[in-house]
Amino acid sequence: MVTRITTAETTLAGLRLPAETSIGYSPRLLHHRPDLYEEPESRTSPTIRSYA
């Protein structure tokens, strides 16, 4: 689990987050998302999908 604190008001996934909001996320879960990575279950470094 990784945490970050927003430094300014922002929007994330459609939610308004005020400045100084603590956010937690899991890099492991993020790197296993098939909508973001071509081979999410690969044991090598993930390749980010290109949306260009």
Protein backbone atom coordinates (compact mmCIF):
# COMPACT_ATOMS: atom_id res chain seq x y z
CA MET A 1 0.00 0.00 0.00
CA VAL A 2 1.28 3.44 -0.94
CA THR A 3 -0.12 6.72 0.33
CA ARG A 4 0.00 10.23 -1.04
CA ILE A 5 -1.46 13.55 0.10
CA THR A 6 -2.94 15.99 -2.41
CA THR A 7 -1.28 19.40 -2.44
CA ALA A 8 -4.17 21.14 -4.17
CA GLU A 9 -7.84 20.46 -4.82
CA THR A 10 -8.13 17.89 -7.60
CA THR A 11 -10.48 15.39 -9.21
CA LEU A 12 -9.71 11.67 -9.26
CA ALA A 13 -12.05 9.14 -10.88
CA GLY A 14 -14.79 11.73 -10.89
CA LEU A 15 -14.46 12.54 -7.18
CA ARG A 16 -13.53 16.00 -5.92
CA LEU A 17 -10.66 15.79 -3.45
CA PRO A 18 -9.76 18.83 -1.34
CA ALA A 19 -6.14 19.79 -0.75
CA GLU A 20 -4.40 17.70 1.94
CA THR A 21 -6.56 14.62 1.28
CA SER A 22 -4.79 11.33 2.02
CA ILE A 23 -5.01 8.78 -0.82
CA GLY A 24 -3.98 5.14 -0.62
CA TYR A 25 -3.46 2.71 -3.50
CA SER A 26 -1.93 -0.66 -4.24
CA PRO A 27 0.74 -0.72 -6.98
CA ARG A 28 0.23 -4.49 -7.33
CA LEU A 29 -3.48 -4.09 -8.06
CA LEU A 30 -2.82 -1.17 -10.37
CA HIS A 31 -0.26 -3.15 -12.39
CA HIS A 32 -2.70 -6.04 -12.87
CA ARG A 33 -5.39 -3.97 -14.63
CA PRO A 34 -5.92 -5.32 -18.16
CA ASP A 35 -7.37 -1.97 -19.27
CA LEU A 36 -3.98 -0.34 -18.56
CA TYR A 37 -1.42 -3.08 -19.31
CA GLU A 38 -1.13 -5.39 -22.32
CA GLU A 39 0.05 -8.35 -20.25
CA PRO A 40 -1.03 -7.64 -16.67
CA GLU A 41 -0.21 -11.15 -15.42
CA SER A 42 3.31 -11.14 -16.90
CA ARG A 43 6.20 -11.42 -14.45
CA THR A 44 8.25 -8.93 -16.49
CA SER A 45 7.94 -5.17 -16.34
CA PRO A 46 4.45 -4.17 -17.43
CA THR A 47 3.96 -2.49 -20.79
CA ILE A 48 1.55 0.41 -20.61
CA ARG A 49 -1.14 0.37 -23.29
CA SER A 50 -1.00 3.22 -25.76
CA TYR A 51 -4.26 5.15 -26.10
CA ALA A 52 -2.96 7.56 -28.75
